[in-house]
Amino acid sequence: MHEMALCESIRTTLEEQSRLHNFTKVARVSLEVGPLSGVEVEALRFGFDVVMRGSVAEGAHLDIIESRGEAWCMVCAESVPIEARFEPCVKCGSHQLQVTAGEELRIKELEVN
């Protein structure tokens, strides 16, 4: 379950930012998670609460913003939506797609005290 390791990285980032920006408490964390990121959202939610204990983000509310997957179809020469890797273009059926969005896992917003 690599989501625990991801939560530990998030915790490290939050602790570093608290020192840099002089805040002592994180009330809310908004994470943007793409469908192609390989992240299991429910496991991330569970891991977040466990890993944040004893940190500046203990008790913080976690908001997950699920983004959309997109790819550039080399045959159609346009951007098309995708939900998973290796699926065909929804317009022409080609598998010549280059992922352009949906792989992200990033801290989008923080509410701090």
PDB file of N, CA and C in Angstrom:
ATOM      1  N   MET A   1       0.856  -1.177   0.000  1.00  0.00           N
ATOM      2  CA  MET A   1       0.000   0.000   0.000  1.00  0.00           C
ATOM      3  C   MET A   1       0.899   1.236   0.000  1.00  0.00           C
ATOM      4  N   HIS A   2       1.186   1.764  -1.180  1.00  0.00           N
ATOM      5  CA  HIS A   2       2.083   2.905  -1.279  1.00  0.00           C
ATOM      6  C   HIS A   2       1.415   4.216  -0.860  1.00  0.00           C
ATOM      7  N   GLU A   3       0.119   4.194  -0.609  1.00  0.00           N
ATOM      8  CA  GLU A   3      -0.583   5.407  -0.175  1.00  0.00           C
ATOM      9  C   GLU A   3      -0.053   5.898   1.176  1.00  0.00           C
ATOM     10  N   MET A   4       0.377   4.977   2.040  1.00  0.00           N
ATOM     11  CA  MET A   4       0.954   5.384   3.326  1.00  0.00           C
ATOM     12  C   MET A   4       2.240   6.176   3.092  1.00  0.00           C
ATOM     13  N   ALA A   5       3.067   5.718   2.163  1.00  0.00           N
ATOM     14  CA  ALA A   5       4.300   6.440   1.837  1.00  0.00           C
ATOM     15  C   ALA A   5       3.977   7.803   1.239  1.00  0.00           C
ATOM     16  N   LEU A   6       2.932   7.873   0.432  1.00  0.00           N
ATOM     17  CA  LEU A   6       2.509   9.164  -0.126  1.00  0.00           C
ATOM     18  C   LEU A   6       2.071  10.103   0.992  1.00  0.00           C
ATOM     19  N   CYS A   7       1.328   9.585   1.948  1.00  0.00           N
ATOM     20  CA  CYS A   7       0.884  10.402   3.089  1.00  0.00           C
ATOM     21  C   CYS A   7       2.075  10.886   3.907  1.00  0.00           C
ATOM     22  N   GLU A   8       3.091  10.039   4.046  1.00  0.00           N
ATOM     23  CA  GLU A   8       4.293  10.454   4.769  1.00  0.00           C
ATOM     24  C   GLU A   8       4.999  11.585   4.031  1.00  0.00           C
ATOM     25  N   SER A   9       5.022  11.532   2.709  1.00  0.00           N
ATOM     26  CA  SER A   9       5.608  12.618   1.910  1.00  0.00           C
ATOM     27  C   SER A   9       4.801  13.905   2.058  1.00  0.00           C
ATOM     28  N   ILE A  10       3.487  13.771   2.090  1.00  0.00           N
ATOM     29  CA  ILE A  10       2.621  14.936   2.297  1.00  0.00           C
ATOM     30  C   ILE A  10       2.886  15.544   3.668  1.00  0.00           C
ATOM     31  N   ARG A  11       3.003  14.688   4.676  1.00  0.00           N
ATOM     32  CA  ARG A  11       3.293  15.163   6.035  1.00  0.00           C
ATOM     33  C   ARG A  11       4.612  15.927   6.066  1.00  0.00           C
ATOM     34  N   THR A  12       5.638  15.378   5.438  1.00  0.00           N
ATOM     35  CA  THR A  12       6.942  16.045   5.387  1.00  0.00           C
ATOM     36  C   THR A  12       6.826  17.414   4.729  1.00  0.00           C
ATOM     37  N   THR A  13       6.091  17.490   3.633  1.00  0.00           N
ATOM     38  CA  THR A  13       5.894  18.764   2.942  1.00  0.00           C
ATOM     39  C   THR A  13       5.169  19.763   3.828  1.00  0.00           C
ATOM     40  N   LEU A  14       4.129  19.314   4.514  1.00  0.00           N
ATOM     41  CA  LEU A  14       3.378  20.201   5.398  1.00  0.00           C
ATOM     42  C   LEU A  14       4.240  20.707   6.556  1.00  0.00           C
ATOM     43  N   GLU A  15       5.055  19.836   7.127  1.00  0.00           N
ATOM     44  CA  GLU A  15       5.944  20.235   8.220  1.00  0.00           C
ATOM     45  C   GLU A  15       6.969  21.257   7.729  1.00  0.00           C
ATOM     46  N   GLU A  16       7.536  21.038   6.534  1.00  0.00           N
ATOM     47  CA  GLU A  16       8.500  21.985   5.967  1.00  0.00           C
ATOM     48  C   GLU A  16       7.843  23.341   5.710  1.00  0.00           C
ATOM     49  N   GLN A  17       6.646  23.321   5.155  1.00  0.00           N
ATOM     50  CA  GLN A  17       5.947  24.566   4.866  1.00  0.00           C
ATOM     51  C   GLN A  17       5.555  25.308   6.136  1.00  0.00           C
ATOM     52  N   SER A  18       5.241  24.563   7.193  1.00  0.00           N
ATOM     53  CA  SER A  18       4.886  25.229   8.458  1.00  0.00           C
ATOM     54  C   SER A  18       6.080  25.997   9.015  1.00  0.00           C
ATOM     55  N   ARG A  19       7.278  25.453   8.850  1.00  0.00           N
ATOM     56  CA  ARG A  19       8.479  26.158   9.302  1.00  0.00           C
ATOM     57  C   ARG A  19       8.769  27.371   8.415  1.00  0.00           C
ATOM     58  N   LEU A  20       8.612  27.205   7.117  1.00  0.00           N
ATOM     59  CA  LEU A  20       8.898  28.302   6.173  1.00  0.00           C
ATOM     60  C   LEU A  20       7.918  29.460   6.293  1.00  0.00           C
ATOM     61  N   HIS A  21       6.640  29.148   6.550  1.00  0.00           N
ATOM     62  CA  HIS A  21       5.585  30.166   6.518  1.00  0.00           C
ATOM     63  C   HIS A  21       4.979  30.463   7.894  1.00  0.00           C
ATOM     64  N   ASN A  22       5.610  29.918   8.922  1.00  0.00           N
ATOM     65  CA  ASN A  22       5.230  30.207  10.308  1.00  0.00           C
ATOM     66  C   ASN A  22       3.760  29.958  10.632  1.00  0.00           C
ATOM     67  N   PHE A  23       3.265  28.786  10.319  1.00  0.00           N
ATOM     68  CA  PHE A  23       1.943  28.391  10.806  1.00  0.00           C
ATOM     69  C   PHE A  23       2.107  27.165  11.682  1.00  0.00           C
ATOM     70  N   THR A  24       1.159  26.981  12.577  1.00  0.00           N
ATOM     71  CA  THR A  24       1.276  25.898  13.554  1.00  0.00           C
ATOM     72  C   THR A  24       0.224  24.810  13.409  1.00  0.00           C
ATOM     73  N   LYS A  25      -0.774  25.068  12.593  1.00  0.00           N
ATOM     74  CA  LYS A  25      -1.870  24.100  12.467  1.00  0.00           C
ATOM     75  C   LYS A  25      -2.421  24.117  11.046  1.00  0.00           C
ATOM     76  N   VAL A  26      -2.629  22.942  10.489  1.00  0.00           N
ATOM     77  CA  VAL A  26      -3.296  22.791   9.196  1.00  0.00           C
ATOM     78  C   VAL A  26      -4.710  22.318   9.487  1.00  0.00           C
ATOM     79  N   ALA A  27      -5.693  23.106   9.059  1.00  0.00           N
ATOM     80  CA  ALA A  27      -7.092  22.755   9.298  1.00  0.00           C
ATOM     81  C   ALA A  27      -7.685  21.943   8.144  1.00  0.00           C
ATOM     82  N   ARG A  28      -7.188  22.208   6.930  1.00  0.00           N
ATOM     83  CA  ARG A  28      -7.741  21.528   5.748  1.00  0.00           C
ATOM     84  C   ARG A  28      -6.660  21.388   4.690  1.00  0.00           C
ATOM     85  N   VAL A  29      -6.646  20.231   4.044  1.00  0.00           N
ATOM     86  CA  VAL A  29      -5.730  19.956   2.944  1.00  0.00           C
ATOM     87  C   VAL A  29      -6.567  19.530   1.748  1.00  0.00           C
ATOM     88  N   SER A  30      -6.369  20.193   0.624  1.00  0.00           N
ATOM     89  CA  SER A  30      -7.033  19.795  -0.623  1.00  0.00           C
ATOM     90  C   SER A  30      -5.979  19.173  -1.529  1.00  0.00           C
ATOM     91  N   LEU A  31      -6.218  17.919  -1.911  1.00  0.00           N
ATOM     92  CA  LEU A  31      -5.313  17.219  -2.805  1.00  0.00           C
ATOM     93  C   LEU A  31      -5.982  16.993  -4.145  1.00  0.00           C
ATOM     94  N   GLU A  32      -5.255  17.243  -5.210  1.00  0.00           N
ATOM     95  CA  GLU A  32      -5.745  16.919  -6.549  1.00  0.00           C
ATOM     96  C   GLU A  32      -5.162  15.565  -6.928  1.00  0.00           C
ATOM     97  N   VAL A  33      -6.042  14.634  -7.273  1.00  0.00           N
ATOM     98  CA  VAL A  33      -5.627  13.272  -7.599  1.00  0.00           C
ATOM     99  C   VAL A  33      -6.186  12.909  -8.970  1.00  0.00           C
ATOM    100  N   GLY A  34      -5.299  12.545  -9.869  1.00  0.00           N
ATOM    101  CA  GLY A  34      -5.717  12.155 -11.212  1.00  0.00           C
ATOM    102  C   GLY A  34      -6.028  10.673 -11.298  1.00  0.00           C
ATOM    103  N   PRO A  35      -6.906  10.292 -12.226  1.00  0.00           N
ATOM    104  CA  PRO A  35      -7.287   8.881 -12.363  1.00  0.00           C
ATOM    105  C   PRO A  35      -6.151   7.991 -12.864  1.00  0.00           C
ATOM    106  N   LEU A  36      -5.100   8.577 -13.401  1.00  0.00           N
ATOM    107  CA  LEU A  36      -3.970   7.807 -13.916  1.00  0.00           C
ATOM    108  C   LEU A  36      -2.771   7.849 -12.968  1.00  0.00           C
ATOM    109  N   SER A  37      -2.973   8.384 -11.756  1.00  0.00           N
ATOM    110  CA  SER A  37      -1.885   8.541 -10.793  1.00  0.00           C
ATOM    111  C   SER A  37      -1.513   7.231 -10.101  1.00  0.00           C
ATOM    112  N   GLY A  38      -2.390   6.246 -10.161  1.00  0.00           N
ATOM    113  CA  GLY A  38      -2.131   4.984  -9.477  1.00  0.00           C
ATOM    114  C   GLY A  38      -2.440   5.034  -7.994  1.00  0.00           C
ATOM    115  N   VAL A  39      -3.176   6.060  -7.574  1.00  0.00           N
ATOM    116  CA  VAL A  39      -3.502   6.241  -6.165  1.00  0.00           C
ATOM    117  C   VAL A  39      -4.913   5.731  -5.893  1.00  0.00           C
ATOM    118  N   GLU A  40      -5.035   4.899  -4.871  1.00  0.00           N
ATOM    119  CA  GLU A  40      -6.340   4.437  -4.405  1.00  0.00           C
ATOM    120  C   GLU A  40      -6.843   5.472  -3.403  1.00  0.00           C
ATOM    121  N   VAL A  41      -7.867   6.229  -3.790  1.00  0.00           N
ATOM    122  CA  VAL A  41      -8.338   7.370  -3.004  1.00  0.00           C
ATOM    123  C   VAL A  41      -8.766   6.969  -1.596  1.00  0.00           C
ATOM    124  N   GLU A  42      -9.482   5.880  -1.440  1.00  0.00           N
ATOM    125  CA  GLU A  42      -9.932   5.476  -0.103  1.00  0.00           C
ATOM    126  C   GLU A  42      -8.764   5.072   0.790  1.00  0.00           C
ATOM    127  N   ALA A  43      -7.759   4.425   0.223  1.00  0.00           N
ATOM    128  CA  ALA A  43      -6.564   4.078   1.001  1.00  0.00           C
ATOM    129  C   ALA A  43      -5.810   5.347   1.394  1.00  0.00           C
ATOM    130  N   LEU A  44      -5.796   6.336   0.518  1.00  0.00           N
ATOM    131  CA  LEU A  44      -5.159   7.618   0.821  1.00  0.00           C
ATOM    132  C   LEU A  44      -5.883   8.320   1.968  1.00  0.00           C
ATOM    133  N   ARG A  45      -7.207   8.297   1.943  1.00  0.00           N
ATOM    134  CA  ARG A  45      -7.992   8.899   3.031  1.00  0.00           C
ATOM    135  C   ARG A  45      -7.677   8.232   4.377  1.00  0.00           C
ATOM    136  N   PHE A  46      -7.648   6.917   4.373  1.00  0.00           N
ATOM    137  CA  PHE A  46      -7.350   6.177   5.597  1.00  0.00           C
ATOM    138  C   PHE A  46      -5.945   6.499   6.094  1.00  0.00           C
ATOM    139  N   GLY A  47      -4.984   6.424   5.187  1.00  0.00           N
ATOM    140  CA  GLY A  47      -3.593   6.675   5.550  1.00  0.00           C
ATOM    141  C   GLY A  47      -3.351   8.092   6.039  1.00  0.00           C
ATOM    142  N   PHE A  48      -4.074   9.038   5.482  1.00  0.00           N
ATOM    143  CA  PHE A  48      -3.908  10.443   5.858  1.00  0.00           C
ATOM    144  C   PHE A  48      -4.157  10.634   7.345  1.00  0.00           C
ATOM    145  N   ASP A  49      -5.276  10.154   7.835  1.00  0.00           N
ATOM    146  CA  ASP A  49      -5.605  10.325   9.259  1.00  0.00           C
ATOM    147  C   ASP A  49      -4.570   9.666  10.164  1.00  0.00           C
ATOM    148  N   VAL A  50      -4.103   8.506   9.771  1.00  0.00           N
ATOM    149  CA  VAL A  50      -3.136   7.771  10.588  1.00  0.00           C
ATOM    150  C   VAL A  50      -1.784   8.480  10.602  1.00  0.00           C
ATOM    151  N   VAL A  51      -1.301   8.861   9.430  1.00  0.00           N
ATOM    152  CA  VAL A  51       0.036   9.450   9.306  1.00  0.00           C
ATOM    153  C   VAL A  51       0.108  10.867   9.876  1.00  0.00           C
ATOM    154  N   MET A  52      -0.972  11.610   9.831  1.00  0.00           N
ATOM    155  CA  MET A  52      -0.942  13.000  10.298  1.00  0.00           C
ATOM    156  C   MET A  52      -0.966  13.143  11.823  1.00  0.00           C
ATOM    157  N   ARG A  53      -1.202  12.041  12.544  1.00  0.00           N
ATOM    158  CA  ARG A  53      -1.191  12.104  14.015  1.00  0.00           C
ATOM    159  C   ARG A  53       0.156  12.623  14.512  1.00  0.00           C
ATOM    160  N   GLY A  54       0.096  13.592  15.421  1.00  0.00           N
ATOM    161  CA  GLY A  54       1.317  14.147  15.987  1.00  0.00           C
ATOM    162  C   GLY A  54       1.998  15.195  15.120  1.00  0.00           C
ATOM    163  N   SER A  55       1.374  15.592  14.039  1.00  0.00           N
ATOM    164  CA  SER A  55       1.962  16.591  13.137  1.00  0.00           C
ATOM    165  C   SER A  55       1.130  17.866  13.159  1.00  0.00           C
ATOM    166  N   VAL A  56       1.556  18.859  12.384  1.00  0.00           N
ATOM    167  CA  VAL A  56       0.788  20.107  12.278  1.00  0.00           C
ATOM    168  C   VAL A  56      -0.560  19.879  11.605  1.00  0.00           C
ATOM    169  N   ALA A  57      -0.723  18.732  10.959  1.00  0.00           N
ATOM    170  CA  ALA A  57      -1.974  18.432  10.257  1.00  0.00           C
ATOM    171  C   ALA A  57      -2.846  17.421  11.000  1.00  0.00           C
ATOM    172  N   GLU A  58      -2.535  17.160  12.257  1.00  0.00           N
ATOM    173  CA  GLU A  58      -3.378  16.233  13.018  1.00  0.00           C
ATOM    174  C   GLU A  58      -4.802  16.788  13.090  1.00  0.00           C
ATOM    175  N   GLY A  59      -5.773  15.975  12.740  1.00  0.00           N
ATOM    176  CA  GLY A  59      -7.174  16.374  12.751  1.00  0.00           C
ATOM    177  C   GLY A  59      -7.604  17.199  11.556  1.00  0.00           C
ATOM    178  N   ALA A  60      -6.704  17.428  10.603  1.00  0.00           N
ATOM    179  CA  ALA A  60      -7.047  18.225   9.416  1.00  0.00           C
ATOM    180  C   ALA A  60      -8.076  17.495   8.565  1.00  0.00           C
ATOM    181  N   HIS A  61      -8.956  18.273   7.947  1.00  0.00           N
ATOM    182  CA  HIS A  61      -9.935  17.720   7.014  1.00  0.00           C
ATOM    183  C   HIS A  61      -9.256  17.539   5.667  1.00  0.00           C
ATOM    184  N   LEU A  62      -9.465  16.387   5.052  1.00  0.00           N
ATOM    185  CA  LEU A  62      -8.874  16.099   3.746  1.00  0.00           C
ATOM    186  C   LEU A  62      -9.938  16.194   2.665  1.00  0.00           C
ATOM    187  N   ASP A  63      -9.718  17.081   1.706  1.00  0.00           N
ATOM    188  CA  ASP A  63     -10.573  17.183   0.517  1.00  0.00           C
ATOM    189  C   ASP A  63      -9.818  16.566  -0.645  1.00  0.00           C
ATOM    190  N   ILE A  64     -10.484  15.690  -1.361  1.00  0.00           N
ATOM    191  CA  ILE A  64      -9.894  15.089  -2.556  1.00  0.00           C
ATOM    192  C   ILE A  64     -10.602  15.674  -3.770  1.00  0.00           C
ATOM    193  N   ILE A  65      -9.837  16.272  -4.654  1.00  0.00           N
ATOM    194  CA  ILE A  65     -10.356  16.790  -5.922  1.00  0.00           C
ATOM    195  C   ILE A  65      -9.895  15.812  -6.995  1.00  0.00           C
ATOM    196  N   GLU A  66     -10.837  15.085  -7.557  1.00  0.00           N
ATOM    197  CA  GLU A  66     -10.478  14.103  -8.578  1.00  0.00           C
ATOM    198  C   GLU A  66     -10.511  14.773  -9.949  1.00  0.00           C
ATOM    199  N   SER A  67      -9.344  14.830 -10.573  1.00  0.00           N
ATOM    200  CA  SER A  67      -9.244  15.464 -11.882  1.00  0.00           C
ATOM    201  C   SER A  67      -9.582  14.453 -12.982  1.00  0.00           C
ATOM    202  N   ARG A  68      -9.598  14.940 -14.206  1.00  0.00           N
ATOM    203  CA  ARG A  68      -9.922  14.088 -15.357  1.00  0.00           C
ATOM    204  C   ARG A  68      -8.660  13.667 -16.083  1.00  0.00           C
ATOM    205  N   GLY A  69      -8.735  12.517 -16.701  1.00  0.00           N
ATOM    206  CA  GLY A  69      -7.638  12.065 -17.543  1.00  0.00           C
ATOM    207  C   GLY A  69      -7.852  12.540 -18.965  1.00  0.00           C
ATOM    208  N   GLU A  70      -6.775  12.959 -19.605  1.00  0.00           N
ATOM    209  CA  GLU A  70      -6.837  13.375 -21.003  1.00  0.00           C
ATOM    210  C   GLU A  70      -5.600  12.875 -21.728  1.00  0.00           C
ATOM    211  N   ALA A  71      -5.762  12.698 -23.013  1.00  0.00           N
ATOM    212  CA  ALA A  71      -4.640  12.280 -23.851  1.00  0.00           C
ATOM    213  C   ALA A  71      -4.756  12.943 -25.218  1.00  0.00           C
ATOM    214  N   TRP A  72      -3.621  13.077 -25.870  1.00  0.00           N
ATOM    215  CA  TRP A  72      -3.573  13.593 -27.228  1.00  0.00           C
ATOM    216  C   TRP A  72      -3.602  12.393 -28.171  1.00  0.00           C
ATOM    217  N   CYS A  73      -4.614  12.356 -29.025  1.00  0.00           N
ATOM    218  CA  CYS A  73      -4.705  11.271 -30.014  1.00  0.00           C
ATOM    219  C   CYS A  73      -3.901  11.689 -31.241  1.00  0.00           C
ATOM    220  N   MET A  74      -2.916  10.893 -31.582  1.00  0.00           N
ATOM    221  CA  MET A  74      -2.061  11.219 -32.716  1.00  0.00           C
ATOM    222  C   MET A  74      -2.769  11.019 -34.050  1.00  0.00           C
ATOM    223  N   VAL A  75      -3.812  10.221 -34.068  1.00  0.00           N
ATOM    224  CA  VAL A  75      -4.572   9.986 -35.298  1.00  0.00           C
ATOM    225  C   VAL A  75      -5.592  11.105 -35.499  1.00  0.00           C
ATOM    226  N   CYS A  76      -6.363  11.413 -34.468  1.00  0.00           N
ATOM    227  CA  CYS A  76      -7.385  12.469 -34.556  1.00  0.00           C
ATOM    228  C   CYS A  76      -6.774  13.871 -34.496  1.00  0.00           C
ATOM    229  N   ALA A  77      -5.569  13.965 -33.919  1.00  0.00           N
ATOM    230  CA  ALA A  77      -4.892  15.240 -33.695  1.00  0.00           C
ATOM    231  C   ALA A  77      -5.723  16.161 -32.801  1.00  0.00           C
ATOM    232  N   GLU A  78      -6.250  15.569 -31.716  1.00  0.00           N
ATOM    233  CA  GLU A  78      -6.979  16.367 -30.739  1.00  0.00           C
ATOM    234  C   GLU A  78      -6.948  15.691 -29.373  1.00  0.00           C
ATOM    235  N   SER A  79      -7.298  16.476 -28.367  1.00  0.00           N
ATOM    236  CA  SER A  79      -7.327  15.984 -27.001  1.00  0.00           C
ATOM    237  C   SER A  79      -8.620  15.213 -26.755  1.00  0.00           C
ATOM    238  N   VAL A  80      -8.482  14.041 -26.096  1.00  0.00           N
ATOM    239  CA  VAL A  80      -9.653  13.207 -25.811  1.00  0.00           C
ATOM    240  C   VAL A  80      -9.627  12.768 -24.344  1.00  0.00           C
ATOM    241  N   PRO A  81     -10.796  12.547 -23.744  1.00  0.00           N
ATOM    242  CA  PRO A  81     -10.832  12.074 -22.357  1.00  0.00           C
ATOM    243  C   PRO A  81     -10.461  10.590 -22.278  1.00  0.00           C
ATOM    244  N   ILE A  82      -9.763  10.224 -21.199  1.00  0.00           N
ATOM    245  CA  ILE A  82      -9.466   8.811 -20.924  1.00  0.00           C
ATOM    246  C   ILE A  82      -9.663   8.570 -19.434  1.00  0.00           C
ATOM    247  N   GLU A  83     -10.031   7.365 -19.089  1.00  0.00           N
ATOM    248  CA  GLU A  83     -10.216   7.003 -17.686  1.00  0.00           C
ATOM    249  C   GLU A  83      -9.137   6.059 -17.182  1.00  0.00           C
ATOM    250  N   ALA A  84      -8.442   5.384 -18.117  1.00  0.00           N
ATOM    251  CA  ALA A  84      -7.398   4.440 -17.738  1.00  0.00           C
ATOM    252  C   ALA A  84      -6.339   4.392 -18.834  1.00  0.00           C
ATOM    253  N   ARG A  85      -5.145   3.983 -18.440  1.00  0.00           N
ATOM    254  CA  ARG A  85      -4.073   3.832 -19.424  1.00  0.00           C
ATOM    255  C   ARG A  85      -4.424   2.719 -20.416  1.00  0.00           C
ATOM    256  N   PHE A  86      -3.931   2.851 -21.596  1.00  0.00           N
ATOM    257  CA  PHE A  86      -4.031   1.841 -22.648  1.00  0.00           C
ATOM    258  C   PHE A  86      -5.440   1.644 -23.189  1.00  0.00           C
ATOM    259  N   GLU A  87      -6.375   2.527 -22.840  1.00  0.00           N
ATOM    260  CA  GLU A  87      -7.683   2.417 -23.465  1.00  0.00           C
ATOM    261  C   GLU A  87      -7.640   3.163 -24.792  1.00  0.00           C
ATOM    262  N   PRO A  88      -8.496   2.780 -25.728  1.00  0.00           N
ATOM    263  CA  PRO A  88      -8.465   3.406 -27.055  1.00  0.00           C
ATOM    264  C   PRO A  88      -9.088   4.801 -27.061  1.00  0.00           C
ATOM    265  N   CYS A  89      -8.787   5.531 -28.098  1.00  0.00           N
ATOM    266  CA  CYS A  89      -9.390   6.843 -28.313  1.00  0.00           C
ATOM    267  C   CYS A  89     -10.898   6.673 -28.424  1.00  0.00           C
ATOM    268  N   VAL A  90     -11.645   7.540 -27.741  1.00  0.00           N
ATOM    269  CA  VAL A  90     -13.100   7.448 -27.757  1.00  0.00           C
ATOM    270  C   VAL A  90     -13.681   7.875 -29.110  1.00  0.00           C
ATOM    271  N   LYS A  91     -12.873   8.543 -29.932  1.00  0.00           N
ATOM    272  CA  LYS A  91     -13.377   9.018 -31.225  1.00  0.00           C
ATOM    273  C   LYS A  91     -13.043   8.075 -32.375  1.00  0.00           C
ATOM    274  N   CYS A  92     -11.785   7.587 -32.412  1.00  0.00           N
ATOM    275  CA  CYS A  92     -11.389   6.790 -33.581  1.00  0.00           C
ATOM    276  C   CYS A  92     -10.966   5.363 -33.240  1.00  0.00           C
ATOM    277  N   GLY A  93     -10.796   5.050 -31.962  1.00  0.00           N
ATOM    278  CA  GLY A  93     -10.405   3.703 -31.557  1.00  0.00           C
ATOM    279  C   GLY A  93      -8.904   3.456 -31.568  1.00  0.00           C
ATOM    280  N   SER A  94      -8.112   4.439 -31.943  1.00  0.00           N
ATOM    281  CA  SER A  94      -6.661   4.298 -31.988  1.00  0.00           C
ATOM    282  C   SER A  94      -6.086   4.149 -30.581  1.00  0.00           C
ATOM    283  N   HIS A  95      -4.952   3.449 -30.510  1.00  0.00           N
ATOM    284  CA  HIS A  95      -4.233   3.333 -29.242  1.00  0.00           C
ATOM    285  C   HIS A  95      -3.001   4.232 -29.233  1.00  0.00           C
ATOM    286  N   GLN A  96      -2.901   5.103 -30.211  1.00  0.00           N
ATOM    287  CA  GLN A  96      -1.765   6.026 -30.294  1.00  0.00           C
ATOM    288  C   GLN A  96      -2.105   7.291 -29.515  1.00  0.00           C
ATOM    289  N   LEU A  97      -2.090   7.147 -28.194  1.00  0.00           N
ATOM    290  CA  LEU A  97      -2.446   8.246 -27.307  1.00  0.00           C
ATOM    291  C   LEU A  97      -1.255   8.628 -26.440  1.00  0.00           C
ATOM    292  N   GLN A  98      -1.108   9.926 -26.229  1.00  0.00           N
ATOM    293  CA  GLN A  98      -0.089  10.431 -25.324  1.00  0.00           C
ATOM    294  C   GLN A  98      -0.804  11.132 -24.171  1.00  0.00           C
ATOM    295  N   VAL A  99      -0.612  10.629 -22.962  1.00  0.00           N
ATOM    296  CA  VAL A  99      -1.279  11.184 -21.785  1.00  0.00           C
ATOM    297  C   VAL A  99      -0.831  12.634 -21.581  1.00  0.00           C
ATOM    298  N   THR A 100      -1.801  13.527 -21.391  1.00  0.00           N
ATOM    299  CA  THR A 100      -1.498  14.938 -21.148  1.00  0.00           C
ATOM    300  C   THR A 100      -2.014  15.419 -19.789  1.00  0.00           C
ATOM    301  N   ALA A 101      -2.924  14.689 -19.162  1.00  0.00           N
ATOM    302  CA  ALA A 101      -3.449  15.077 -17.851  1.00  0.00           C
ATOM    303  C   ALA A 101      -4.022  13.853 -17.154  1.00  0.00           C
ATOM    304  N   GLY A 102      -3.980  13.887 -15.834  1.00  0.00           N
ATOM    305  CA  GLY A 102      -4.579  12.813 -15.053  1.00  0.00           C
ATOM    306  C   GLY A 102      -3.586  12.023 -14.228  1.00  0.00           C
ATOM    307  N   GLU A 103      -2.289  12.352 -14.332  1.00  0.00           N
ATOM    308  CA  GLU A 103      -1.280  11.632 -13.565  1.00  0.00           C
ATOM    309  C   GLU A 103      -0.924  12.337 -12.252  1.00  0.00           C
ATOM    310  N   GLU A 104      -1.551  13.467 -11.989  1.00  0.00           N
ATOM    311  CA  GLU A 104      -1.135  14.304 -10.880  1.00  0.00           C
ATOM    312  C   GLU A 104      -1.592  13.800  -9.511  1.00  0.00           C
ATOM    313  N   LEU A 105      -0.757  14.099  -8.554  1.00  0.00           N
ATOM    314  CA  LEU A 105      -1.075  14.011  -7.134  1.00  0.00           C
ATOM    315  C   LEU A 105      -0.367  15.207  -6.537  1.00  0.00           C
ATOM    316  N   ARG A 106      -1.135  16.234  -6.200  1.00  0.00           N
ATOM    317  CA  ARG A 106      -0.507  17.449  -5.688  1.00  0.00           C
ATOM    318  C   ARG A 106      -1.377  18.116  -4.636  1.00  0.00           C
ATOM    319  N   ILE A 107      -0.684  18.827  -3.765  1.00  0.00           N
ATOM    320  CA  ILE A 107      -1.392  19.639  -2.784  1.00  0.00           C
ATOM    321  C   ILE A 107      -1.887  20.868  -3.519  1.00  0.00           C
ATOM    322  N   LYS A 108      -3.181  21.006  -3.574  1.00  0.00           N
ATOM    323  CA  LYS A 108      -3.800  22.098  -4.317  1.00  0.00           C
ATOM    324  C   LYS A 108      -4.018  23.318  -3.436  1.00  0.00           C
ATOM    325  N   GLU A 109      -4.402  23.079  -2.182  1.00  0.00           N
ATOM    326  CA  GLU A 109      -4.737  24.191  -1.288  1.00  0.00           C
ATOM    327  C   GLU A 109      -4.604  23.757   0.161  1.00  0.00           C
ATOM    328  N   LEU A 110      -4.215  24.704   1.018  1.00  0.00           N
ATOM    329  CA  LEU A 110      -4.141  24.470   2.459  1.00  0.00           C
ATOM    330  C   LEU A 110      -4.914  25.559   3.193  1.00  0.00           C
ATOM    331  N   GLU A 111      -5.560  25.172   4.267  1.00  0.00           N
ATOM    332  CA  GLU A 111      -6.149  26.135   5.201  1.00  0.00           C
ATOM    333  C   GLU A 111      -5.363  25.974   6.495  1.00  0.00           C
ATOM    334  N   VAL A 112      -4.692  27.049   6.899  1.00  0.00           N
ATOM    335  CA  VAL A 112      -3.796  26.965   8.048  1.00  0.00           C
ATOM    336  C   VAL A 112      -4.148  28.024   9.095  1.00  0.00           C
ATOM    337  N   ASN A 113      -3.642  27.795  10.305  1.00  0.00           N
ATOM    338  CA  ASN A 113      -3.789  28.759  11.414  1.00  0.00           C
ATOM    339  C   ASN A 113      -2.401  29.180  11.872  1.00  0.00           C
TER     340      ASN A 113
END
